[in-house]
Amino acid sequence: MFDYFRGYITDKRKTAKGTYLTIDVSGVGYLLEVVERDFINTSINEKETQKLYVLLTHREDAMSLYGFSNKETRDIFQILLSVSGVGAKMAIALLNEFDACDLISLVIDGDFKELTRAKGVGPKLAQKIILELKDKLIKTELPKAACKLPQSPAVEDTQAVLLSLGYEEKEIEDTLAKILPTIEDSSNSEEVIRKALTCLSM
């Protein structure tokens, strides 16, 4: 229903239930629950408009709005809600503990123990999240959109090889962003180059 709001941040509040921002859009104040990272980084400013991506959830007893500073975090939040047993509070807890890029990497790597660092996430739920989301995340555009490309000797070697073969920089970056989370040893230049070439040839 809503994609984003652009308006003035007029209030911030932190309660036992969560962290919230009020955004004034054309004279209407919308109360958005946000992750702690966005709460800290967003300041009250009634002179400059700010943009927040939003998601409206609807339960039998309530409707709630959630706000995010970027589209990728909003999208991973929505994907988390597709897991049975993961509600909005649990999804927020996961995104409070991990940024979108780290969370995607943990799911793709199958690191359920690390996921249990999030408040309220036990080993069984962590394994369920990985089971239900791993393939879905690998196939989406989210990994490349949410994660900045890390710089390492293996990445630099791969970029140099692919450039010498005539591939364009944007094509190389997109390919590396897609394959790096799926490689067990991303410091191995030969493995990264081989995987990149395989992906580019598909």
N, C-alpha and C. Protein backbone atom coordinates (compact mmCIF):
# COMPACT_ATOMS: atom_id res chain seq x y z
N MET A 1 0.83 -1.20 0.00
CA MET A 1 0.00 0.00 0.00
C MET A 1 0.87 1.26 0.00
N PHE A 2 1.86 1.31 0.90
CA PHE A 2 2.81 2.42 0.95
C PHE A 2 4.19 1.91 0.56
N ASP A 3 4.95 2.73 -0.16
CA ASP A 3 6.33 2.37 -0.47
C ASP A 3 7.28 3.18 0.42
N TYR A 4 7.11 4.48 0.44
CA TYR A 4 7.93 5.32 1.31
C TYR A 4 7.16 6.57 1.68
N PHE A 5 7.63 7.22 2.77
CA PHE A 5 7.12 8.52 3.18
C PHE A 5 8.27 9.52 3.09
N ARG A 6 7.97 10.70 2.59
CA ARG A 6 8.95 11.80 2.62
C ARG A 6 8.32 12.94 3.42
N GLY A 7 8.97 13.30 4.51
CA GLY A 7 8.41 14.34 5.36
C GLY A 7 9.39 14.77 6.42
N TYR A 8 8.88 15.42 7.45
CA TYR A 8 9.71 15.96 8.52
C TYR A 8 9.64 15.06 9.75
N ILE A 9 10.78 14.72 10.31
CA ILE A 9 10.81 13.94 11.56
C ILE A 9 10.53 14.90 12.71
N THR A 10 9.42 14.69 13.39
CA THR A 10 9.00 15.63 14.43
C THR A 10 9.13 15.08 15.85
N ASP A 11 9.36 13.77 15.97
CA ASP A 11 9.45 13.20 17.32
C ASP A 11 10.20 11.88 17.28
N LYS A 12 10.92 11.59 18.37
CA LYS A 12 11.60 10.30 18.56
C LYS A 12 11.23 9.81 19.95
N ARG A 13 10.97 8.53 20.05
CA ARG A 13 10.69 7.99 21.39
C ARG A 13 11.15 6.54 21.49
N LYS A 14 11.66 6.21 22.66
CA LYS A 14 12.10 4.84 22.93
C LYS A 14 11.34 4.33 24.14
N THR A 15 10.65 3.21 23.99
CA THR A 15 9.86 2.64 25.07
C THR A 15 10.27 1.18 25.26
N ALA A 16 9.63 0.54 26.24
CA ALA A 16 9.91 -0.88 26.48
C ALA A 16 9.48 -1.73 25.29
N LYS A 17 8.58 -1.21 24.47
CA LYS A 17 8.06 -1.97 23.33
C LYS A 17 8.91 -1.80 22.06
N GLY A 18 9.70 -0.70 21.98
CA GLY A 18 10.51 -0.50 20.80
C GLY A 18 10.93 0.94 20.61
N THR A 19 11.51 1.23 19.44
CA THR A 19 11.96 2.57 19.11
C THR A 19 11.09 3.12 17.98
N TYR A 20 10.71 4.39 18.10
CA TYR A 20 9.71 4.96 17.19
C TYR A 20 10.11 6.35 16.71
N LEU A 21 9.71 6.65 15.47
CA LEU A 21 9.85 7.99 14.91
C LEU A 21 8.47 8.45 14.45
N THR A 22 8.23 9.75 14.56
CA THR A 22 7.02 10.32 13.96
C THR A 22 7.45 11.15 12.77
N ILE A 23 6.85 10.86 11.61
CA ILE A 23 7.16 11.61 10.40
C ILE A 23 5.90 12.36 9.95
N ASP A 24 6.06 13.65 9.75
CA ASP A 24 4.95 14.51 9.32
C ASP A 24 4.96 14.59 7.80
N VAL A 25 3.90 14.05 7.19
CA VAL A 25 3.76 14.10 5.74
C VAL A 25 2.52 14.91 5.41
N SER A 26 2.73 16.12 4.91
CA SER A 26 1.62 17.02 4.55
C SER A 26 0.65 17.23 5.69
N GLY A 27 1.18 17.40 6.90
CA GLY A 27 0.34 17.70 8.06
C GLY A 27 -0.21 16.49 8.78
N VAL A 28 0.09 15.29 8.30
CA VAL A 28 -0.35 14.06 8.97
C VAL A 28 0.86 13.38 9.59
N GLY A 29 0.80 13.12 10.90
CA GLY A 29 1.91 12.48 11.58
C GLY A 29 1.75 10.97 11.62
N TYR A 30 2.72 10.26 11.07
CA TYR A 30 2.70 8.79 11.06
C TYR A 30 3.72 8.27 12.06
N LEU A 31 3.27 7.38 12.94
CA LEU A 31 4.15 6.77 13.93
C LEU A 31 4.74 5.49 13.34
N LEU A 32 6.06 5.45 13.21
CA LEU A 32 6.74 4.31 12.61
C LEU A 32 7.64 3.64 13.64
N GLU A 33 7.53 2.32 13.76
CA GLU A 33 8.52 1.60 14.56
C GLU A 33 9.74 1.38 13.67
N VAL A 34 10.92 1.62 14.23
CA VAL A 34 12.15 1.52 13.44
C VAL A 34 13.19 0.69 14.19
N VAL A 35 14.19 0.22 13.45
CA VAL A 35 15.29 -0.50 14.10
C VAL A 35 16.15 0.51 14.85
N GLU A 36 16.86 0.04 15.85
CA GLU A 36 17.63 0.94 16.70
C GLU A 36 18.68 1.72 15.92
N ARG A 37 19.25 1.12 14.89
CA ARG A 37 20.27 1.78 14.08
C ARG A 37 19.70 3.04 13.42
N ASP A 38 18.51 2.91 12.86
CA ASP A 38 17.87 4.07 12.21
C ASP A 38 17.42 5.09 13.24
N PHE A 39 17.00 4.61 14.41
CA PHE A 39 16.58 5.51 15.48
C PHE A 39 17.74 6.41 15.90
N ILE A 40 18.91 5.81 16.06
CA ILE A 40 20.09 6.55 16.49
C ILE A 40 20.56 7.53 15.41
N ASN A 41 20.50 7.09 14.16
CA ASN A 41 21.05 7.89 13.06
C ASN A 41 20.09 8.95 12.51
N THR A 42 18.84 8.93 12.95
CA THR A 42 17.86 9.90 12.46
C THR A 42 17.61 10.96 13.52
N SER A 43 17.68 12.21 13.13
CA SER A 43 17.48 13.29 14.09
C SER A 43 16.18 14.03 13.79
N ILE A 44 15.63 14.63 14.84
CA ILE A 44 14.44 15.46 14.65
C ILE A 44 14.83 16.69 13.84
N ASN A 45 14.12 16.91 12.75
CA ASN A 45 14.43 18.04 11.87
C ASN A 45 13.16 18.46 11.15
N GLU A 46 12.63 19.61 11.54
CA GLU A 46 11.38 20.09 10.95
C GLU A 46 11.62 21.11 9.84
N LYS A 47 12.89 21.17 9.37
CA LYS A 47 13.22 22.08 8.27
C LYS A 47 13.60 21.34 7.00
N GLU A 48 14.13 20.13 7.15
CA GLU A 48 14.53 19.34 5.98
C GLU A 48 13.73 18.04 5.95
N THR A 49 13.21 17.70 4.78
CA THR A 49 12.45 16.45 4.66
C THR A 49 13.41 15.26 4.65
N GLN A 50 12.90 14.15 5.15
CA GLN A 50 13.66 12.90 5.15
C GLN A 50 12.77 11.81 4.56
N LYS A 51 13.42 10.79 4.01
CA LYS A 51 12.70 9.71 3.32
C LYS A 51 12.87 8.41 4.08
N LEU A 52 11.76 7.75 4.36
CA LEU A 52 11.79 6.46 5.03
C LEU A 52 10.93 5.47 4.24
N TYR A 53 11.51 4.30 3.96
CA TYR A 53 10.74 3.24 3.32
C TYR A 53 9.87 2.58 4.38
N VAL A 54 8.65 2.24 4.04
CA VAL A 54 7.71 1.77 5.05
C VAL A 54 7.05 0.45 4.66
N LEU A 55 6.57 -0.23 5.69
CA LEU A 55 5.77 -1.44 5.49
C LEU A 55 4.62 -1.40 6.49
N LEU A 56 3.42 -1.60 5.98
CA LEU A 56 2.23 -1.65 6.82
C LEU A 56 1.88 -3.10 7.08
N THR A 57 1.77 -3.47 8.36
CA THR A 57 1.35 -4.83 8.70
C THR A 57 -0.04 -4.77 9.33
N HIS A 58 -0.80 -5.81 9.11
CA HIS A 58 -2.18 -5.84 9.58
C HIS A 58 -2.46 -7.15 10.30
N ARG A 59 -2.78 -7.04 11.59
CA ARG A 59 -3.22 -8.21 12.35
C ARG A 59 -4.69 -8.00 12.71
N GLU A 60 -5.29 -9.01 13.29
CA GLU A 60 -6.71 -8.91 13.65
C GLU A 60 -6.95 -7.76 14.63
N ASP A 61 -5.97 -7.53 15.51
CA ASP A 61 -6.20 -6.55 16.58
C ASP A 61 -5.44 -5.23 16.37
N ALA A 62 -4.63 -5.14 15.31
CA ALA A 62 -3.85 -3.90 15.15
C ALA A 62 -3.27 -3.76 13.76
N MET A 63 -3.03 -2.49 13.38
CA MET A 63 -2.29 -2.18 12.17
C MET A 63 -1.06 -1.41 12.60
N SER A 64 0.10 -1.75 12.06
CA SER A 64 1.34 -1.10 12.47
C SER A 64 2.16 -0.70 11.26
N LEU A 65 2.87 0.42 11.40
CA LEU A 65 3.76 0.89 10.35
C LEU A 65 5.21 0.76 10.80
N TYR A 66 6.05 0.25 9.91
CA TYR A 66 7.47 0.10 10.20
C TYR A 66 8.25 0.92 9.18
N GLY A 67 9.27 1.65 9.66
CA GLY A 67 10.04 2.51 8.77
C GLY A 67 11.50 2.10 8.72
N PHE A 68 12.13 2.32 7.56
CA PHE A 68 13.52 1.92 7.35
C PHE A 68 14.23 2.97 6.50
N SER A 69 15.50 3.19 6.79
CA SER A 69 16.25 4.22 6.07
C SER A 69 16.60 3.79 4.66
N ASN A 70 16.57 2.49 4.38
CA ASN A 70 16.84 2.06 3.01
C ASN A 70 15.91 0.92 2.61
N LYS A 71 15.74 0.79 1.32
CA LYS A 71 14.78 -0.17 0.77
C LYS A 71 15.20 -1.61 1.05
N GLU A 72 16.50 -1.88 1.02
CA GLU A 72 16.98 -3.26 1.21
C GLU A 72 16.64 -3.79 2.60
N THR A 73 16.79 -2.94 3.63
CA THR A 73 16.45 -3.38 4.98
C THR A 73 14.95 -3.62 5.10
N ARG A 74 14.15 -2.76 4.47
CA ARG A 74 12.69 -2.96 4.47
C ARG A 74 12.34 -4.29 3.79
N ASP A 75 13.03 -4.58 2.69
CA ASP A 75 12.73 -5.80 1.95
C ASP A 75 13.12 -7.05 2.71
N ILE A 76 14.27 -7.02 3.40
CA ILE A 76 14.68 -8.20 4.19
C ILE A 76 13.74 -8.37 5.38
N PHE A 77 13.26 -7.27 5.95
CA PHE A 77 12.26 -7.34 7.02
C PHE A 77 11.01 -8.05 6.53
N GLN A 78 10.56 -7.69 5.34
CA GLN A 78 9.36 -8.31 4.77
C GLN A 78 9.59 -9.80 4.48
N ILE A 79 10.78 -10.13 4.02
CA ILE A 79 11.10 -11.54 3.76
C ILE A 79 11.13 -12.33 5.06
N LEU A 80 11.68 -11.74 6.12
CA LEU A 80 11.70 -12.43 7.42
C LEU A 80 10.29 -12.75 7.91
N LEU A 81 9.34 -11.86 7.63
CA LEU A 81 7.97 -12.08 8.07
C LEU A 81 7.31 -13.27 7.37
N SER A 82 7.91 -13.71 6.25
CA SER A 82 7.35 -14.86 5.53
C SER A 82 7.67 -16.18 6.21
N VAL A 83 8.58 -16.15 7.18
CA VAL A 83 8.94 -17.37 7.92
C VAL A 83 7.92 -17.60 9.02
N SER A 84 7.31 -18.77 9.04
CA SER A 84 6.34 -19.05 10.09
C SER A 84 7.06 -19.05 11.44
N GLY A 85 6.47 -18.35 12.39
CA GLY A 85 7.09 -18.24 13.71
C GLY A 85 7.89 -16.96 13.89
N VAL A 86 8.08 -16.21 12.80
CA VAL A 86 8.78 -14.92 12.89
C VAL A 86 7.78 -13.80 12.68
N GLY A 87 7.52 -13.06 13.76
CA GLY A 87 6.64 -11.90 13.67
C GLY A 87 7.46 -10.64 13.54
N ALA A 88 6.76 -9.51 13.55
CA ALA A 88 7.44 -8.23 13.36
C ALA A 88 8.47 -7.96 14.46
N LYS A 89 8.15 -8.28 15.71
CA LYS A 89 9.07 -8.02 16.81
C LYS A 89 10.34 -8.84 16.65
N MET A 90 10.19 -10.10 16.23
CA MET A 90 11.35 -10.96 16.04
C MET A 90 12.20 -10.46 14.88
N ALA A 91 11.54 -10.03 13.79
CA ALA A 91 12.27 -9.51 12.63
C ALA A 91 13.04 -8.25 13.02
N ILE A 92 12.41 -7.38 13.81
CA ILE A 92 13.10 -6.17 14.29
C ILE A 92 14.29 -6.55 15.16
N ALA A 93 14.12 -7.55 16.02
CA ALA A 93 15.22 -8.00 16.89
C ALA A 93 16.41 -8.48 16.06
N LEU A 94 16.13 -9.20 14.98
CA LEU A 94 17.21 -9.68 14.10
C LEU A 94 17.92 -8.50 13.43
N LEU A 95 17.15 -7.51 12.99
CA LEU A 95 17.75 -6.36 12.31
C LEU A 95 18.38 -5.38 13.30
N ASN A 96 18.03 -5.47 14.57
CA ASN A 96 18.73 -4.69 15.59
C ASN A 96 20.11 -5.27 15.84
N GLU A 97 20.21 -6.58 15.73
CA GLU A 97 21.47 -7.28 16.01
C GLU A 97 22.40 -7.27 14.79
N PHE A 98 21.83 -7.41 13.60
CA PHE A 98 22.63 -7.50 12.38
C PHE A 98 22.12 -6.51 11.34
N ASP A 99 23.04 -5.90 10.59
CA ASP A 99 22.55 -5.10 9.47
C ASP A 99 22.12 -6.04 8.35
N ALA A 100 21.46 -5.50 7.35
CA ALA A 100 20.86 -6.34 6.31
C ALA A 100 21.90 -7.22 5.62
N CYS A 101 23.08 -6.65 5.34
CA CYS A 101 24.12 -7.39 4.64
C CYS A 101 24.61 -8.57 5.48
N ASP A 102 24.89 -8.32 6.76
CA ASP A 102 25.37 -9.39 7.64
C ASP A 102 24.32 -10.48 7.81
N LEU A 103 23.07 -10.07 7.93
CA LEU A 103 21.99 -11.04 8.12
C LEU A 103 21.85 -11.93 6.88
N ILE A 104 21.90 -11.33 5.71
CA ILE A 104 21.82 -12.11 4.47
C ILE A 104 22.98 -13.10 4.39
N SER A 105 24.18 -12.63 4.73
CA SER A 105 25.36 -13.50 4.67
C SER A 105 25.25 -14.67 5.64
N LEU A 106 24.75 -14.41 6.85
CA LEU A 106 24.61 -15.48 7.84
C LEU A 106 23.62 -16.55 7.37
N VAL A 107 22.52 -16.10 6.77
CA VAL A 107 21.52 -17.05 6.27
C VAL A 107 22.08 -17.86 5.12
N ILE A 108 22.73 -17.20 4.18
CA ILE A 108 23.29 -17.91 3.03
C ILE A 108 24.40 -18.88 3.47
N ASP A 109 25.19 -18.47 4.47
CA ASP A 109 26.27 -19.33 4.97
C ASP A 109 25.75 -20.44 5.89
N GLY A 110 24.48 -20.35 6.31
CA GLY A 110 23.92 -21.36 7.20
C GLY A 110 24.42 -21.28 8.63
N ASP A 111 24.83 -20.09 9.06
CA ASP A 111 25.40 -19.92 10.40
C ASP A 111 24.29 -19.66 11.43
N PHE A 112 23.60 -20.74 11.82
CA PHE A 112 22.48 -20.58 12.74
C PHE A 112 22.92 -20.18 14.14
N LYS A 113 24.12 -20.59 14.54
CA LYS A 113 24.60 -20.25 15.89
C LYS A 113 24.76 -18.74 16.04
N GLU A 114 25.26 -18.09 15.01
CA GLU A 114 25.44 -16.64 15.07
C GLU A 114 24.08 -15.93 15.11
N LEU A 115 23.10 -16.48 14.40
CA LEU A 115 21.76 -15.88 14.40
C LEU A 115 21.14 -15.86 15.79
N THR A 116 21.52 -16.81 16.64
CA THR A 116 20.93 -16.88 17.98
C THR A 116 21.38 -15.72 18.87
N ARG A 117 22.30 -14.89 18.39
CA ARG A 117 22.67 -13.69 19.16
C ARG A 117 21.50 -12.72 19.26
N ALA A 118 20.58 -12.78 18.30
CA ALA A 118 19.42 -11.88 18.33
C ALA A 118 18.49 -12.27 19.46
N LYS A 119 17.94 -11.27 20.12
CA LYS A 119 17.07 -11.49 21.26
C LYS A 119 15.85 -12.35 20.88
N GLY A 120 15.66 -13.45 21.60
CA GLY A 120 14.49 -14.29 21.40
C GLY A 120 14.64 -15.34 20.30
N VAL A 121 15.79 -15.39 19.64
CA VAL A 121 15.99 -16.36 18.57
C VAL A 121 16.78 -17.55 19.10
N GLY A 122 16.11 -18.70 19.20
CA GLY A 122 16.76 -19.92 19.65
C GLY A 122 17.32 -20.71 18.47
N PRO A 123 18.06 -21.79 18.76
CA PRO A 123 18.67 -22.59 17.68
C PRO A 123 17.66 -23.15 16.69
N LYS A 124 16.52 -23.63 17.16
CA LYS A 124 15.52 -24.21 16.25
C LYS A 124 14.96 -23.17 15.29
N LEU A 125 14.64 -21.98 15.82
CA LEU A 125 14.10 -20.92 14.97
C LEU A 125 15.17 -20.44 13.99
N ALA A 126 16.42 -20.33 14.46
CA ALA A 126 17.51 -19.89 13.59
C ALA A 126 17.68 -20.86 12.42
N GLN A 127 17.62 -22.16 12.72
CA GLN A 127 17.75 -23.16 11.66
C GLN A 127 16.56 -23.11 10.70
N LYS A 128 15.40 -22.81 11.24
CA LYS A 128 14.20 -22.71 10.40
C LYS A 128 14.31 -21.51 9.46
N ILE A 129 14.81 -20.39 9.97
CA ILE A 129 15.00 -19.20 9.14
C ILE A 129 15.93 -19.51 7.97
N ILE A 130 17.02 -20.20 8.27
CA ILE A 130 17.98 -20.56 7.21
C ILE A 130 17.35 -21.51 6.21
N LEU A 131 16.64 -22.51 6.70
CA LEU A 131 16.02 -23.50 5.83
C LEU A 131 15.03 -22.85 4.86
N GLU A 132 14.23 -21.92 5.37
CA GLU A 132 13.18 -21.33 4.55
C GLU A 132 13.66 -20.17 3.66
N LEU A 133 14.78 -19.53 4.05
CA LEU A 133 15.17 -18.32 3.33
C LEU A 133 16.45 -18.44 2.50
N LYS A 134 17.27 -19.43 2.74
CA LYS A 134 18.57 -19.50 2.06
C LYS A 134 18.43 -19.46 0.54
N ASP A 135 17.66 -20.36 -0.02
CA ASP A 135 17.50 -20.41 -1.48
C ASP A 135 16.84 -19.14 -2.01
N LYS A 136 15.87 -18.65 -1.24
CA LYS A 136 15.15 -17.44 -1.67
C LYS A 136 16.09 -16.24 -1.76
N LEU A 137 16.99 -16.11 -0.78
CA LEU A 137 17.91 -14.97 -0.77
C LEU A 137 18.97 -15.10 -1.86
N ILE A 138 19.44 -16.31 -2.11
CA ILE A 138 20.44 -16.50 -3.15
C ILE A 138 19.88 -16.09 -4.51
N LYS A 139 18.58 -16.35 -4.72
CA LYS A 139 17.97 -16.09 -6.02
C LYS A 139 17.52 -14.64 -6.20
N THR A 140 17.44 -13.88 -5.12
CA THR A 140 16.96 -12.49 -5.24
C THR A 140 18.12 -11.54 -5.53
N GLU A 141 17.78 -10.28 -5.77
CA GLU A 141 18.78 -9.24 -6.00
C GLU A 141 19.26 -8.64 -4.68
N LEU A 142 18.70 -9.06 -3.56
CA LEU A 142 19.02 -8.42 -2.28
C LEU A 142 20.49 -8.46 -1.90
N PRO A 143 21.19 -9.60 -2.04
CA PRO A 143 22.60 -9.61 -1.62
C PRO A 143 23.43 -8.52 -2.28
N LYS A 144 23.31 -8.35 -3.59
CA LYS A 144 24.12 -7.35 -4.27
C LYS A 144 23.65 -5.93 -3.94
N ALA A 145 22.35 -5.76 -3.65
CA ALA A 145 21.83 -4.43 -3.34
C ALA A 145 22.17 -4.01 -1.92
N ALA A 146 22.15 -4.97 -0.99
CA ALA A 146 22.33 -4.64 0.42
C ALA A 146 23.80 -4.58 0.84
N CYS A 147 24.67 -5.29 0.14
CA CYS A 147 26.05 -5.44 0.60
C CYS A 147 27.02 -4.68 -0.29
N LYS A 148 27.85 -3.90 0.32
CA LYS A 148 28.93 -3.27 -0.41
C LYS A 148 29.97 -4.33 -0.73
N LEU A 149 30.58 -4.22 -1.89
CA LEU A 149 31.56 -5.19 -2.32
C LEU A 149 32.81 -5.09 -1.46
N PRO A 150 33.21 -6.16 -0.75
CA PRO A 150 34.41 -6.10 0.08
C PRO A 150 35.67 -6.05 -0.78
N GLN A 151 36.68 -5.37 -0.28
CA GLN A 151 37.95 -5.32 -1.00
C GLN A 151 38.93 -6.29 -0.34
N SER A 152 39.51 -7.16 -1.14
CA SER A 152 40.48 -8.14 -0.68
C SER A 152 41.36 -8.50 -1.87
N PRO A 153 42.52 -9.11 -1.62
CA PRO A 153 43.38 -9.52 -2.74
C PRO A 153 42.65 -10.41 -3.73
N ALA A 154 41.79 -11.32 -3.24
CA ALA A 154 41.06 -12.22 -4.13
C ALA A 154 40.09 -11.45 -5.02
N VAL A 155 39.40 -10.47 -4.43
CA VAL A 155 38.45 -9.66 -5.19
C VAL A 155 39.20 -8.81 -6.23
N GLU A 156 40.32 -8.22 -5.81
CA GLU A 156 41.10 -7.39 -6.73
C GLU A 156 41.67 -8.23 -7.87
N ASP A 157 42.14 -9.45 -7.57
CA ASP A 157 42.66 -10.34 -8.61
C ASP A 157 41.57 -10.68 -9.61
N THR A 158 40.38 -10.97 -9.08
CA THR A 158 39.27 -11.35 -9.95
C THR A 158 38.86 -10.19 -10.83
N GLN A 159 38.78 -9.00 -10.26
CA GLN A 159 38.42 -7.82 -11.04
C GLN A 159 39.43 -7.59 -12.17
N ALA A 160 40.71 -7.75 -11.86
CA ALA A 160 41.76 -7.53 -12.86
C ALA A 160 41.65 -8.54 -14.00
N VAL A 161 41.42 -9.81 -13.65
CA VAL A 161 41.31 -10.87 -14.66
C VAL A 161 40.11 -10.63 -15.55
N LEU A 162 38.97 -10.31 -14.95
CA LEU A 162 37.74 -10.14 -15.72
C LEU A 162 37.80 -8.89 -16.60
N LEU A 163 38.44 -7.84 -16.10
CA LEU A 163 38.61 -6.64 -16.92
C LEU A 163 39.48 -6.94 -18.14
N SER A 164 40.52 -7.77 -17.92
CA SER A 164 41.41 -8.12 -19.03
C SER A 164 40.70 -8.97 -20.08
N LEU A 165 39.62 -9.65 -19.65
CA LEU A 165 38.85 -10.48 -20.57
C LEU A 165 37.76 -9.69 -21.28
N GLY A 166 37.64 -8.41 -20.92
CA GLY A 166 36.69 -7.56 -21.63
C GLY A 166 35.35 -7.32 -20.95
N TYR A 167 35.20 -7.82 -19.72
CA TYR A 167 33.94 -7.59 -19.00
C TYR A 167 33.92 -6.16 -18.46
N GLU A 168 32.73 -5.58 -18.35
CA GLU A 168 32.59 -4.22 -17.85
C GLU A 168 32.59 -4.20 -16.33
N GLU A 169 33.00 -3.06 -15.74
CA GLU A 169 33.13 -2.94 -14.29
C GLU A 169 31.82 -3.24 -13.57
N LYS A 170 30.72 -2.67 -14.05
CA LYS A 170 29.41 -2.88 -13.38
C LYS A 170 29.02 -4.36 -13.42
N GLU A 171 29.28 -5.01 -14.55
CA GLU A 171 28.97 -6.43 -14.70
C GLU A 171 29.80 -7.26 -13.73
N ILE A 172 31.05 -6.88 -13.56
CA ILE A 172 31.95 -7.59 -12.64
C ILE A 172 31.50 -7.40 -11.19
N GLU A 173 31.18 -6.16 -10.82
CA GLU A 173 30.73 -5.87 -9.45
C GLU A 173 29.47 -6.64 -9.10
N ASP A 174 28.51 -6.65 -10.02
CA ASP A 174 27.26 -7.36 -9.78
C ASP A 174 27.50 -8.87 -9.60
N THR A 175 28.39 -9.41 -10.42
CA THR A 175 28.70 -10.83 -10.34
C THR A 175 29.38 -11.18 -9.02
N LEU A 176 30.36 -10.37 -8.62
CA LEU A 176 31.06 -10.62 -7.36
C LEU A 176 30.13 -10.51 -6.16
N ALA A 177 29.27 -9.49 -6.18
CA ALA A 177 28.32 -9.32 -5.09
C ALA A 177 27.38 -10.50 -4.99
N LYS A 178 27.09 -11.12 -6.10
CA LYS A 178 26.18 -12.27 -6.12
C LYS A 178 26.86 -13.54 -5.64
N ILE A 179 28.12 -13.75 -6.02
CA ILE A 179 28.76 -15.04 -5.73
C ILE A 179 29.52 -15.09 -4.41
N LEU A 180 30.04 -13.95 -3.95
CA LEU A 180 30.90 -13.97 -2.76
C LEU A 180 30.22 -14.60 -1.53
N PRO A 181 28.93 -14.29 -1.27
CA PRO A 181 28.30 -14.92 -0.09
C PRO A 181 28.15 -16.43 -0.20
N THR A 182 28.30 -16.97 -1.41
CA THR A 182 28.11 -18.42 -1.61
C THR A 182 29.42 -19.19 -1.61
N ILE A 183 30.56 -18.48 -1.52
CA ILE A 183 31.87 -19.14 -1.58
C ILE A 183 32.40 -19.37 -0.17
N GLU A 184 32.78 -20.60 0.11
CA GLU A 184 33.23 -20.95 1.46
C GLU A 184 34.53 -20.23 1.82
N ASP A 185 35.49 -20.20 0.89
CA ASP A 185 36.75 -19.50 1.13
C ASP A 185 36.91 -18.38 0.12
N SER A 186 36.38 -17.20 0.47
CA SER A 186 36.40 -16.07 -0.47
C SER A 186 37.76 -15.40 -0.55
N SER A 187 38.75 -15.92 0.19
CA SER A 187 40.11 -15.39 0.09
C SER A 187 40.93 -16.14 -0.95
N ASN A 188 40.34 -17.19 -1.51
CA ASN A 188 41.00 -18.01 -2.52
C ASN A 188 40.74 -17.41 -3.90
N SER A 189 41.76 -16.77 -4.47
CA SER A 189 41.58 -16.08 -5.76
C SER A 189 41.12 -17.02 -6.86
N GLU A 190 41.72 -18.21 -6.93
CA GLU A 190 41.36 -19.15 -7.99
C GLU A 190 39.89 -19.54 -7.90
N GLU A 191 39.42 -19.76 -6.67
CA GLU A 191 38.02 -20.16 -6.48
C GLU A 191 37.07 -19.03 -6.86
N VAL A 192 37.41 -17.80 -6.47
CA VAL A 192 36.56 -16.65 -6.78
C VAL A 192 36.52 -16.42 -8.29
N ILE A 193 37.66 -16.49 -8.95
CA ILE A 193 37.72 -16.30 -10.40
C ILE A 193 36.91 -17.39 -11.11
N ARG A 194 37.09 -18.63 -10.69
CA ARG A 194 36.37 -19.74 -11.32
C ARG A 194 34.87 -19.57 -11.18
N LYS A 195 34.43 -19.19 -9.96
CA LYS A 195 32.99 -19.04 -9.72
C LYS A 195 32.44 -17.85 -10.51
N ALA A 196 33.21 -16.79 -10.60
CA ALA A 196 32.77 -15.60 -11.32
C ALA A 196 32.61 -15.92 -12.82
N LEU A 197 33.58 -16.63 -13.38
CA LEU A 197 33.52 -16.98 -14.78
C LEU A 197 32.34 -17.90 -15.08
N THR A 198 32.08 -18.82 -14.14
CA THR A 198 30.93 -19.72 -14.30
C THR A 198 29.63 -18.93 -14.31
N CYS A 199 29.53 -17.98 -13.38
CA CYS A 199 28.32 -17.17 -13.28
C CYS A 199 28.14 -16.32 -14.53
N LEU A 200 29.21 -15.73 -15.02
CA LEU A 200 29.13 -14.86 -16.19
C LEU A 200 28.80 -15.62 -17.47
N SER A 201 29.12 -16.89 -17.49
CA SER A 201 28.88 -17.69 -18.69
C SER A 201 27.47 -18.27 -18.75
N MET A 202 26.72 -18.10 -17.64
CA MET A 202 25.38 -18.68 -17.58
C MET A 202 24.38 -17.81 -18.34
